[in-house]
C-alpha atoms as a PDB file:
ATOM      1  CA  MET A   1      32.080-116.116-231.435  1.00  0.00           C
ATOM      2  CA  LYS A   2      30.576-119.075-229.706  1.00  0.00           C
ATOM      3  CA  ASP A   3      31.084-119.280-225.943  1.00  0.00           C
ATOM      4  CA  ASN A   4      30.509-115.547-225.817  1.00  0.00           C
ATOM      5  CA  PRO A   5      27.752-114.808-223.272  1.00  0.00           C
ATOM      6  CA  LEU A   6      25.994-112.482-225.719  1.00  0.00           C
ATOM      7  CA  SER A   7      26.063-114.991-228.564  1.00  0.00           C
ATOM      8  CA  ASN A   8      24.737-117.668-226.217  1.00  0.00           C
ATOM      9  CA  ALA A   9      22.010-115.300-224.956  1.00  0.00           C
ATOM     10  CA  LEU A  10      21.030-114.452-228.551  1.00  0.00           C
ATOM     11  CA  ASP A  11      20.830-118.178-229.361  1.00  0.00           C
ATOM     12  CA  ALA A  12      18.589-118.722-226.317  1.00  0.00           C
ATOM     13  CA  LEU A  13      16.434-115.709-227.184  1.00  0.00           C
ATOM     14  CA  ASP A  14      16.039-116.968-230.742  1.00  0.00           C
ATOM     15  CA  SER A  15      14.913-120.355-229.461  1.00  0.00           C
ATOM     16  CA  VAL A  16      12.296-118.854-227.122  1.00  0.00           C
ATOM     17  CA  LEU A  17      11.088-116.445-229.823  1.00  0.00           C
ATOM     18  CA  ALA A  18      10.656-119.385-232.208  1.00  0.00           C
ATOM     19  CA  GLN A  19       8.689-121.354-229.579  1.00  0.00           C
ATOM     20  CA  GLN A  20       6.385-118.386-229.054  1.00  0.00           C
ATOM     21  CA  LYS A  21       6.191-117.614-232.778  1.00  0.00           C
ATOM     22  CA  LEU A  22       7.627-114.130-232.274  1.00  0.00           C
ATOM     23  CA  LYS A  23      10.077-112.283-234.517  1.00  0.00           C
ATOM     24  CA  LEU A  24      12.670-109.624-233.756  1.00  0.00           C
ATOM     25  CA  ASP A  25      14.531-107.350-236.174  1.00  0.00           C
ATOM     26  CA  ILE A  26      17.871-105.895-235.071  1.00  0.00           C
ATOM     27  CA  LEU A  27      20.706-103.954-236.658  1.00  0.00           C
ATOM     28  CA  ILE A  28      23.666-104.471-234.346  1.00  0.00           C
ATOM     29  CA  CYS A  29      26.000-101.557-233.749  1.00  0.00           C
ATOM     30  CA  GLY A  30      28.412-100.640-230.955  1.00  0.00           C
ATOM     31  CA  ALA A  31      31.031-102.840-229.321  1.00  0.00           C
ATOM     32  CA  PHE A  32      29.302-106.135-230.139  1.00  0.00           C
ATOM     33  CA  ALA A  33      29.395-105.154-233.821  1.00  0.00           C
ATOM     34  CA  LEU A  34      33.162-104.801-233.464  1.00  0.00           C
ATOM     35  CA  GLN A  35      33.341-108.382-232.194  1.00  0.00           C
ATOM     36  CA  ILE A  36      31.135-109.687-234.997  1.00  0.00           C
ATOM     37  CA  LEU A  37      33.284-107.866-237.555  1.00  0.00           C
ATOM     38  CA  GLY A  38      36.359-109.617-236.149  1.00  0.00           C
ATOM     39  CA  PHE A  39      37.956-106.836-234.104  1.00  0.00           C
ATOM     40  CA  ASP A  40      39.362-108.010-230.782  1.00  0.00           C
ATOM     41  CA  ARG A  41      38.889-105.458-228.008  1.00  0.00           C
ATOM     42  CA  GLY A  42      40.547-107.767-225.489  1.00  0.00           C
ATOM     43  CA  VAL A  43      37.405-107.675-223.372  1.00  0.00           C
ATOM     44  CA  HIS A  44      33.868-108.702-224.298  1.00  0.00           C
ATOM     45  CA  THR A  45      31.094-106.164-224.131  1.00  0.00           C
ATOM     46  CA  LEU A  46      28.106-107.009-221.970  1.00  0.00           C
ATOM     47  CA  ASP A  47      25.356-105.675-224.210  1.00  0.00           C
ATOM     48  CA  VAL A  48      24.046-105.711-227.752  1.00  0.00           C
ATOM     49  CA  ASP A  49      23.058-102.316-229.115  1.00  0.00           C
ATOM     50  CA  THR A  50      20.600-102.047-231.967  1.00  0.00           C
ATOM     51  CA  VAL A  51      19.443 -99.014-233.906  1.00  0.00           C
ATOM     52  CA  MET A  52      16.040-100.630-234.384  1.00  0.00           C
ATOM     53  CA  LYS A  53      13.287 -99.979-231.856  1.00  0.00           C
ATOM     54  CA  ILE A  54      12.275-102.891-229.624  1.00  0.00           C
ATOM     55  CA  ASP A  55       8.846-102.124-228.249  1.00  0.00           C
ATOM     56  CA  ASP A  56       6.981-105.440-228.025  1.00  0.00           C
ATOM     57  CA  PRO A  57       6.425-106.024-224.266  1.00  0.00           C
ATOM     58  CA  LYS A  58       6.598-109.813-224.738  1.00  0.00           C
ATOM     59  CA  VAL A  59       9.990-109.540-226.440  1.00  0.00           C
ATOM     60  CA  LEU A  60      11.263-107.104-223.818  1.00  0.00           C
ATOM     61  CA  ASN A  61      10.235-109.517-221.047  1.00  0.00           C
ATOM     62  CA  LEU A  62      11.994-112.381-222.813  1.00  0.00           C
ATOM     63  CA  ILE A  63      15.152-110.279-223.168  1.00  0.00           C
ATOM     64  CA  ALA A  64      15.082-109.577-219.417  1.00  0.00           C
ATOM     65  CA  GLU A  65      14.494-113.267-218.579  1.00  0.00           C
ATOM     66  CA  ILE A  66      17.325-114.433-220.837  1.00  0.00           C
ATOM     67  CA  GLY A  67      19.557-111.782-219.280  1.00  0.00           C
ATOM     68  CA  LYS A  68      18.890-113.208-215.835  1.00  0.00           C
ATOM     69  CA  GLN A  69      19.652-116.738-217.032  1.00  0.00           C
ATOM     70  CA  TYR A  70      22.978-115.684-218.538  1.00  0.00           C
ATOM     71  CA  GLY A  71      24.108-113.309-215.798  1.00  0.00           C
ATOM     72  CA  LEU A  72      23.525-110.257-217.970  1.00  0.00           C
ATOM     73  CA  SER A  73      21.550-107.103-217.288  1.00  0.00           C
ATOM     74  CA  SER A  74      17.836-106.999-218.055  1.00  0.00           C
ATOM     75  CA  ASN A  75      18.566-104.789-221.063  1.00  0.00           C
ATOM     76  CA  TRP A  76      21.547-106.705-222.435  1.00  0.00           C
ATOM     77  CA  LEU A  77      19.826-106.374-225.828  1.00  0.00           C
ATOM     78  CA  ASN A  78      18.727-102.775-226.082  1.00  0.00           C
ATOM     79  CA  ASP A  79      17.551-100.127-228.503  1.00  0.00           C
ATOM     80  CA  GLN A  80      19.300 -97.180-226.878  1.00  0.00           C
ATOM     81  CA  ALA A  81      21.003 -96.497-230.217  1.00  0.00           C
ATOM     82  CA  ALA A  82      17.592 -96.172-231.912  1.00  0.00           C
ATOM     83  CA  SER A  83      17.533 -92.520-230.885  1.00  0.00           C
ATOM     84  CA  VAL A  84      20.909 -91.610-232.414  1.00  0.00           C
ATOM     85  CA  THR A  85      21.430 -90.296-235.904  1.00  0.00           C
ATOM     86  CA  THR A  86      22.632 -93.000-238.252  1.00  0.00           C
ATOM     87  CA  PRO A  87      24.475 -92.679-241.533  1.00  0.00           C
ATOM     88  CA  GLU A  88      22.307 -92.438-244.616  1.00  0.00           C
ATOM     89  CA  ASP A  89      21.435 -95.793-246.248  1.00  0.00           C
ATOM     90  CA  ILE A  90      22.848 -97.707-243.273  1.00  0.00           C
ATOM     91  CA  PHE A  91      20.553-100.680-243.907  1.00  0.00           C
ATOM     92  CA  GLU A  92      21.727-101.066-247.501  1.00  0.00           C
ATOM     93  CA  ARG A  93      25.324-101.625-246.373  1.00  0.00           C
ATOM     94  CA  ALA A  94      24.588-103.771-243.318  1.00  0.00           C
ATOM     95  CA  LYS A  95      25.520-107.458-243.468  1.00  0.00           C
ATOM     96  CA  LYS A  96      22.816-110.052-242.833  1.00  0.00           C
ATOM     97  CA  LEU A  97      23.570-112.556-240.075  1.00  0.00           C
ATOM     98  CA  ASP A  98      21.993-115.924-240.827  1.00  0.00           C
ATOM     99  CA  GLN A  99      22.453-117.887-237.612  1.00  0.00           C
ATOM    100  CA  TRP A 100      18.980-117.342-236.178  1.00  0.00           C
ATOM    101  CA  SER A 101      15.480-118.161-237.377  1.00  0.00           C
ATOM    102  CA  SER A 102      13.377-115.741-235.326  1.00  0.00           C
ATOM    103  CA  ILE A 103      15.913-112.955-234.993  1.00  0.00           C
ATOM    104  CA  ASN A 104      16.335-111.117-238.267  1.00  0.00           C
ATOM    105  CA  ALA A 105      19.778-109.674-237.526  1.00  0.00           C
ATOM    106  CA  PHE A 106      22.144-107.437-239.417  1.00  0.00           C
ATOM    107  CA  VAL A 107      25.502-105.994-238.382  1.00  0.00           C
ATOM    108  CA  ILE A 108      26.497-102.444-239.215  1.00  0.00           C
ATOM    109  CA  ASP A 109      29.078-101.884-241.941  1.00  0.00           C
ATOM    110  CA  ARG A 110      32.575-101.007-240.695  1.00  0.00           C
ATOM    111  CA  VAL A 111      32.564 -97.543-242.310  1.00  0.00           C
ATOM    112  CA  ASP A 112      29.170 -96.741-240.777  1.00  0.00           C
ATOM    113  CA  LEU A 113      30.475 -97.980-237.427  1.00  0.00           C
ATOM    114  CA  ILE A 114      33.408 -95.559-237.761  1.00  0.00           C
ATOM    115  CA  LYS A 115      30.929 -92.720-238.295  1.00  0.00           C
ATOM    116  CA  MET A 116      28.792 -93.717-235.312  1.00  0.00           C
ATOM    117  CA  LYS A 117      31.841 -94.232-233.068  1.00  0.00           C
ATOM    118  CA  THR A 118      33.116 -90.800-234.155  1.00  0.00           C
ATOM    119  CA  SER A 119      29.810 -89.276-233.139  1.00  0.00           C
ATOM    120  CA  ALA A 120      29.818 -91.158-229.824  1.00  0.00           C
ATOM    121  CA  PHE A 121      33.404 -90.043-229.174  1.00  0.00           C
ATOM    122  CA  SER A 122      32.450 -86.412-229.737  1.00  0.00           C
ATOM    123  CA  ILE A 123      29.578 -86.722-227.251  1.00  0.00           C
ATOM    124  CA  ARG A 124      31.207 -88.907-224.583  1.00  0.00           C
ATOM    125  CA  ARG A 125      34.895 -88.028-224.840  1.00  0.00           C
ATOM    126  CA  GLU A 126      34.947 -86.540-221.335  1.00  0.00           C
ATOM    127  CA  GLU A 127      33.181 -89.566-219.791  1.00  0.00           C
ATOM    128  CA  THR A 128      34.941 -92.532-221.371  1.00  0.00           C
ATOM    129  CA  SER A 129      37.756 -93.468-223.731  1.00  0.00           C
ATOM    130  CA  LYS A 130      35.998 -96.553-225.118  1.00  0.00           C
ATOM    131  CA  ASP A 131      34.803 -94.856-228.323  1.00  0.00           C
ATOM    132  CA  TRP A 132      38.312 -93.539-229.002  1.00  0.00           C
ATOM    133  CA  ASP A 133      39.772 -96.995-228.304  1.00  0.00           C
ATOM    134  CA  ASP A 134      37.224 -98.539-230.656  1.00  0.00           C
ATOM    135  CA  LEU A 135      38.074 -96.018-233.371  1.00  0.00           C
ATOM    136  CA  LYS A 136      41.768 -96.867-233.059  1.00  0.00           C
ATOM    137  CA  LEU A 137      40.894-100.549-233.298  1.00  0.00           C
ATOM    138  CA  LEU A 138      38.878 -99.928-236.492  1.00  0.00           C
ATOM    139  CA  SER A 139      42.011 -98.351-238.067  1.00  0.00           C
ATOM    140  CA  PRO A 140      40.180 -95.863-240.270  1.00  0.00           C
ATOM    141  CA  THR A 141      41.885 -94.471-243.330  1.00  0.00           C
ATOM    142  CA  LYS A 142      42.288 -90.729-243.835  1.00  0.00           C
ATOM    143  CA  GLN A 143      39.353 -90.816-246.273  1.00  0.00           C
ATOM    144  CA  GLU A 144      37.162 -92.716-243.778  1.00  0.00           C
ATOM    145  CA  ILE A 145      37.989 -90.230-241.003  1.00  0.00           C
ATOM    146  CA  GLU A 146      37.178 -87.290-243.272  1.00  0.00           C
ATOM    147  CA  ALA A 147      33.826 -88.927-244.120  1.00  0.00           C
ATOM    148  CA  ALA A 148      33.206 -89.451-240.382  1.00  0.00           C
ATOM    149  CA  ILE A 149      34.080 -85.815-239.693  1.00  0.00           C
ATOM    150  CA  GLY A 150      31.615 -84.822-242.425  1.00  0.00           C
ATOM    151  CA  PHE A 151      28.960 -86.914-240.677  1.00  0.00           C
ATOM    152  CA  LEU A 152      29.880 -85.280-237.372  1.00  0.00           C
ATOM    153  CA  ARG A 153      29.659 -81.791-238.859  1.00  0.00           C
ATOM    154  CA  LYS A 154      26.267 -82.523-240.365  1.00  0.00           C
ATOM    155  CA  PHE A 155      24.653 -84.018-237.271  1.00  0.00           C
ATOM    156  CA  ASN A 156      26.694 -83.174-234.165  1.00  0.00           C
ATOM    157  CA  ALA A 157      28.156 -79.728-234.705  1.00  0.00           C
ATOM    158  CA  PRO A 158      27.557 -77.347-231.815  1.00  0.00           C
ATOM    159  CA  PRO A 159      24.691 -74.911-232.372  1.00  0.00           C
ATOM    160  CA  LYS A 160      25.449 -71.300-233.275  1.00  0.00           C
ATOM    161  CA  ASN A 161      24.727 -70.197-229.704  1.00  0.00           C
ATOM    162  CA  ALA A 162      27.010 -72.835-228.123  1.00  0.00           C
ATOM    163  CA  SER A 163      29.412 -71.871-225.393  1.00  0.00           C
ATOM    164  CA  LYS A 164      33.062 -71.230-226.171  1.00  0.00           C
ATOM    165  CA  ALA A 165      33.912 -74.396-224.214  1.00  0.00           C
ATOM    166  CA  ASP A 166      31.574 -76.506-226.386  1.00  0.00           C
ATOM    167  CA  ILE A 167      33.017 -75.014-229.567  1.00  0.00           C
ATOM    168  CA  ASP A 168      36.578 -75.560-228.361  1.00  0.00           C
ATOM    169  CA  ASN A 169      35.734 -79.157-227.395  1.00  0.00           C
ATOM    170  CA  TYR A 170      34.265 -79.748-230.875  1.00  0.00           C
ATOM    171  CA  LYS A 171      37.370 -78.304-232.557  1.00  0.00           C
ATOM    172  CA  GLU A 172      39.581 -80.462-230.352  1.00  0.00           C
ATOM    173  CA  THR A 173      37.555 -83.521-231.336  1.00  0.00           C
ATOM    174  CA  ILE A 174      38.080 -82.769-235.050  1.00  0.00           C
ATOM    175  CA  HIS A 175      41.798 -82.209-234.413  1.00  0.00           C
ATOM    176  CA  ASP A 176      42.115 -85.492-232.483  1.00  0.00           C
ATOM    177  CA  LEU A 177      40.256 -87.423-235.178  1.00  0.00           C
ATOM    178  CA  ARG A 178      42.527 -86.094-237.915  1.00  0.00           C
ATOM    179  CA  ASN A 179      45.563 -87.084-235.861  1.00  0.00           C
ATOM    180  CA  LEU A 180      44.226 -90.616-235.452  1.00  0.00           C
ATOM    181  CA  VAL A 181      45.388 -91.530-238.975  1.00  0.00           C
END
């Protein structure tokens, strides 16, 4: 994964964090996790999503500075996924990445990524096809899709007072997911 702008930016961030004696913990999810896990999307993502909160102003400033240096956005490393529901025991299954000294990084497990991509697909299906494309790339088994649907039902089912359109959209999502395998 070398010569990937995000990998290079992470290397640079790690170096600056080490110089300033700062540490950063991240659990990588999203499209960059796909790349780390060896799935080729054909196009590189331009951000690193983490489910862990990044709230140190010094670290946030460094992320923005590194982004500028590497032609990335100021939030190329972001915690937008910190607000989403994650599968239970996600940290126990995550794989430790050992290439950095000041960034304590883990990558989400493939099965947990399937669950999170399923949830993202159910939320963003009208806006973008990227979550669906990522799910196809992950090639989930029937059992993995059923587990992802269970996760979806537990955390993203429409409320009892949802509109007919929302309920129909949810049912269509379940139908589409089952037809994926």
